[in-house]
Amino acid sequence: MKAILIISIILLTYSGTAYSYPESQMYDCVSSALSNPATKSISENAIKNYCDCALKAIIDEDKDIRESGYECAQKNFN
């Protein structure tokens, strides 16, 4: 019985990251941004952070797409 309790605690403690948006949307956002000539000087990590921010705002918080994109760009590209 102790073993089951310990295994349950370990599984609950070490759960992976869950996203509210499909991974395909993140991939589409990043690949679109990387193919844009205006973002050539921006790091891939900054673009990933931007996409994560924007997708969370749009999907989780039901914010406007344009407004979310602008806010997240200010946070991640300046």
N, C-alpha and C. Protein backbone atom coordinates (compact mmCIF):
# COMPACT_ATOMS: atom_id res chain seq x y z
N MET A 1 0.82 -1.19 0.00
CA MET A 1 0.00 0.00 0.00
C MET A 1 0.87 1.26 0.00
N LYS A 2 2.00 1.21 0.74
CA LYS A 2 2.90 2.35 0.77
C LYS A 2 3.48 2.62 -0.62
N ALA A 3 3.79 1.54 -1.33
CA ALA A 3 4.38 1.69 -2.66
C ALA A 3 3.42 2.41 -3.61
N ILE A 4 2.15 2.07 -3.55
CA ILE A 4 1.15 2.72 -4.41
C ILE A 4 1.04 4.19 -4.05
N LEU A 5 1.05 4.52 -2.78
CA LEU A 5 0.98 5.91 -2.34
C LEU A 5 2.21 6.69 -2.82
N ILE A 6 3.38 6.12 -2.67
CA ILE A 6 4.61 6.78 -3.08
C ILE A 6 4.63 6.99 -4.60
N ILE A 7 4.25 5.99 -5.35
CA ILE A 7 4.22 6.11 -6.80
C ILE A 7 3.20 7.17 -7.23
N SER A 8 2.06 7.21 -6.58
CA SER A 8 1.04 8.22 -6.90
C SER A 8 1.56 9.62 -6.63
N ILE A 9 2.23 9.81 -5.53
CA ILE A 9 2.79 11.13 -5.19
C ILE A 9 3.85 11.54 -6.20
N ILE A 10 4.70 10.61 -6.58
CA ILE A 10 5.75 10.90 -7.56
C ILE A 10 5.13 11.29 -8.90
N LEU A 11 4.13 10.56 -9.35
CA LEU A 11 3.49 10.87 -10.63
C LEU A 11 2.80 12.22 -10.61
N LEU A 12 2.17 12.56 -9.52
CA LEU A 12 1.50 13.86 -9.42
C LEU A 12 2.50 15.01 -9.32
N THR A 13 3.63 14.75 -8.69
CA THR A 13 4.64 15.78 -8.51
C THR A 13 5.38 16.10 -9.80
N TYR A 14 5.66 15.11 -10.60
CA TYR A 14 6.46 15.28 -11.80
C TYR A 14 5.64 15.22 -13.08
N SER A 15 4.55 15.93 -13.11
CA SER A 15 3.75 15.95 -14.33
C SER A 15 4.37 16.93 -15.32
N GLY A 16 4.12 16.70 -16.60
CA GLY A 16 4.68 17.54 -17.66
C GLY A 16 3.91 18.83 -17.82
N THR A 17 4.42 19.67 -18.69
CA THR A 17 3.79 20.95 -18.98
C THR A 17 2.60 20.73 -19.90
N ALA A 18 1.51 21.37 -19.57
CA ALA A 18 0.31 21.26 -20.40
C ALA A 18 -0.01 22.62 -21.01
N TYR A 19 -0.30 22.62 -22.28
CA TYR A 19 -0.65 23.85 -22.98
C TYR A 19 -2.12 23.80 -23.37
N SER A 20 -2.75 24.94 -23.39
CA SER A 20 -4.16 24.99 -23.73
C SER A 20 -4.37 25.04 -25.23
N TYR A 21 -3.32 25.29 -25.97
CA TYR A 21 -3.43 25.35 -27.42
C TYR A 21 -2.70 24.15 -28.03
N PRO A 22 -3.14 23.72 -29.21
CA PRO A 22 -2.48 22.59 -29.86
C PRO A 22 -1.04 22.93 -30.25
N GLU A 23 -0.19 21.95 -30.19
CA GLU A 23 1.22 22.15 -30.54
C GLU A 23 1.36 22.61 -31.99
N SER A 24 0.43 22.20 -32.84
CA SER A 24 0.48 22.60 -34.25
C SER A 24 0.32 24.11 -34.40
N GLN A 25 -0.46 24.74 -33.53
CA GLN A 25 -0.61 26.20 -33.59
C GLN A 25 0.70 26.89 -33.21
N MET A 26 1.38 26.34 -32.23
CA MET A 26 2.68 26.91 -31.84
C MET A 26 3.66 26.77 -33.00
N TYR A 27 3.69 25.60 -33.62
CA TYR A 27 4.59 25.37 -34.75
C TYR A 27 4.27 26.33 -35.89
N ASP A 28 2.99 26.50 -36.20
CA ASP A 28 2.58 27.41 -37.28
C ASP A 28 3.00 28.85 -36.98
N CYS A 29 2.81 29.25 -35.75
CA CYS A 29 3.17 30.62 -35.35
C CYS A 29 4.67 30.85 -35.48
N VAL A 30 5.46 29.93 -34.96
CA VAL A 30 6.92 30.07 -35.00
C VAL A 30 7.43 30.03 -36.44
N SER A 31 6.96 29.08 -37.23
CA SER A 31 7.45 28.97 -38.61
C SER A 31 7.04 30.19 -39.44
N SER A 32 5.85 30.71 -39.19
CA SER A 32 5.41 31.91 -39.89
C SER A 32 6.28 33.11 -39.53
N ALA A 33 6.57 33.25 -38.25
CA ALA A 33 7.40 34.36 -37.81
C ALA A 33 8.83 34.24 -38.33
N LEU A 34 9.36 33.04 -38.36
CA LEU A 34 10.73 32.84 -38.85
C LEU A 34 10.84 33.10 -40.35
N SER A 35 9.77 32.89 -41.08
CA SER A 35 9.82 33.12 -42.53
C SER A 35 9.57 34.59 -42.90
N ASN A 36 9.18 35.40 -41.93
CA ASN A 36 8.92 36.81 -42.17
C ASN A 36 10.25 37.57 -42.20
N PRO A 37 10.54 38.31 -43.28
CA PRO A 37 11.80 39.05 -43.37
C PRO A 37 11.98 40.09 -42.25
N ALA A 38 10.89 40.58 -41.69
CA ALA A 38 10.98 41.59 -40.63
C ALA A 38 11.50 41.03 -39.32
N THR A 39 11.50 39.71 -39.16
CA THR A 39 11.93 39.10 -37.90
C THR A 39 13.27 38.40 -38.01
N LYS A 40 14.02 38.67 -39.06
CA LYS A 40 15.32 38.00 -39.26
C LYS A 40 16.30 38.27 -38.12
N SER A 41 16.22 39.43 -37.50
CA SER A 41 17.18 39.79 -36.45
C SER A 41 16.71 39.35 -35.05
N ILE A 42 15.54 38.74 -34.97
CA ILE A 42 14.99 38.31 -33.68
C ILE A 42 15.31 36.85 -33.44
N SER A 43 15.72 36.53 -32.23
CA SER A 43 16.10 35.15 -31.91
C SER A 43 14.89 34.22 -31.95
N GLU A 44 15.17 32.95 -32.23
CA GLU A 44 14.10 31.95 -32.26
C GLU A 44 13.45 31.81 -30.89
N ASN A 45 14.24 31.94 -29.83
CA ASN A 45 13.69 31.85 -28.48
C ASN A 45 12.71 32.98 -28.19
N ALA A 46 13.03 34.19 -28.63
CA ALA A 46 12.12 35.33 -28.44
C ALA A 46 10.83 35.12 -29.23
N ILE A 47 10.95 34.53 -30.41
CA ILE A 47 9.76 34.25 -31.21
C ILE A 47 8.90 33.20 -30.54
N LYS A 48 9.51 32.17 -29.98
CA LYS A 48 8.75 31.14 -29.27
C LYS A 48 8.03 31.73 -28.06
N ASN A 49 8.72 32.60 -27.34
CA ASN A 49 8.09 33.26 -26.18
C ASN A 49 6.92 34.13 -26.62
N TYR A 50 7.11 34.84 -27.74
CA TYR A 50 6.03 35.67 -28.28
C TYR A 50 4.82 34.80 -28.65
N CYS A 51 5.06 33.71 -29.37
CA CYS A 51 3.96 32.84 -29.80
C CYS A 51 3.23 32.24 -28.60
N ASP A 52 3.99 31.83 -27.60
CA ASP A 52 3.38 31.27 -26.39
C ASP A 52 2.50 32.31 -25.71
N CYS A 53 3.02 33.51 -25.58
CA CYS A 53 2.27 34.61 -24.96
C CYS A 53 0.99 34.91 -25.73
N ALA A 54 1.11 35.03 -27.04
CA ALA A 54 -0.04 35.38 -27.87
C ALA A 54 -1.10 34.27 -27.86
N LEU A 55 -0.66 33.03 -27.99
CA LEU A 55 -1.62 31.92 -28.01
C LEU A 55 -2.34 31.77 -26.68
N LYS A 56 -1.62 31.97 -25.58
CA LYS A 56 -2.27 31.92 -24.27
C LYS A 56 -3.31 33.03 -24.13
N ALA A 57 -2.96 34.23 -24.57
CA ALA A 57 -3.89 35.35 -24.46
C ALA A 57 -5.12 35.13 -25.33
N ILE A 58 -4.91 34.64 -26.54
CA ILE A 58 -6.03 34.45 -27.47
C ILE A 58 -6.92 33.30 -27.03
N ILE A 59 -6.32 32.19 -26.65
CA ILE A 59 -7.10 30.98 -26.35
C ILE A 59 -7.57 30.95 -24.89
N ASP A 60 -6.65 31.17 -23.94
CA ASP A 60 -7.01 31.09 -22.52
C ASP A 60 -7.84 32.28 -22.06
N GLU A 61 -7.42 33.46 -22.46
CA GLU A 61 -8.05 34.67 -21.94
C GLU A 61 -9.08 35.26 -22.90
N ASP A 62 -9.25 34.65 -24.06
CA ASP A 62 -10.22 35.06 -25.07
C ASP A 62 -10.06 36.53 -25.45
N LYS A 63 -8.81 36.96 -25.59
CA LYS A 63 -8.52 38.34 -25.97
C LYS A 63 -8.51 38.48 -27.49
N ASP A 64 -8.58 39.70 -27.94
CA ASP A 64 -8.54 40.02 -29.36
C ASP A 64 -7.17 39.62 -29.95
N ILE A 65 -7.18 39.08 -31.15
CA ILE A 65 -5.95 38.59 -31.79
C ILE A 65 -4.96 39.73 -32.00
N ARG A 66 -5.41 40.81 -32.58
CA ARG A 66 -4.51 41.93 -32.88
C ARG A 66 -3.94 42.55 -31.61
N GLU A 67 -4.80 42.75 -30.63
CA GLU A 67 -4.37 43.34 -29.35
C GLU A 67 -3.36 42.42 -28.64
N SER A 68 -3.64 41.13 -28.64
CA SER A 68 -2.75 40.16 -28.00
C SER A 68 -1.40 40.13 -28.68
N GLY A 69 -1.42 40.13 -30.00
CA GLY A 69 -0.16 40.12 -30.76
C GLY A 69 0.67 41.34 -30.46
N TYR A 70 0.03 42.50 -30.40
CA TYR A 70 0.75 43.74 -30.12
C TYR A 70 1.36 43.74 -28.72
N GLU A 71 0.57 43.34 -27.72
CA GLU A 71 1.06 43.31 -26.33
C GLU A 71 2.23 42.33 -26.17
N CYS A 72 2.09 41.16 -26.77
CA CYS A 72 3.13 40.15 -26.64
C CYS A 72 4.40 40.54 -27.41
N ALA A 73 4.22 41.25 -28.53
CA ALA A 73 5.38 41.73 -29.28
C ALA A 73 6.16 42.76 -28.44
N GLN A 74 5.44 43.63 -27.77
CA GLN A 74 6.10 44.62 -26.91
C GLN A 74 6.88 43.94 -25.79
N LYS A 75 6.32 42.89 -25.22
CA LYS A 75 6.98 42.19 -24.11
C LYS A 75 8.22 41.42 -24.56
N ASN A 76 8.17 40.86 -25.76
CA ASN A 76 9.22 39.92 -26.17
C ASN A 76 10.21 40.45 -27.18
N PHE A 77 9.90 41.52 -27.89
CA PHE A 77 10.79 41.99 -28.93
C PHE A 77 11.49 43.30 -28.61
N ASN A 78 11.25 43.87 -27.45
CA ASN A 78 11.91 45.14 -27.09
C ASN A 78 12.98 44.92 -26.07
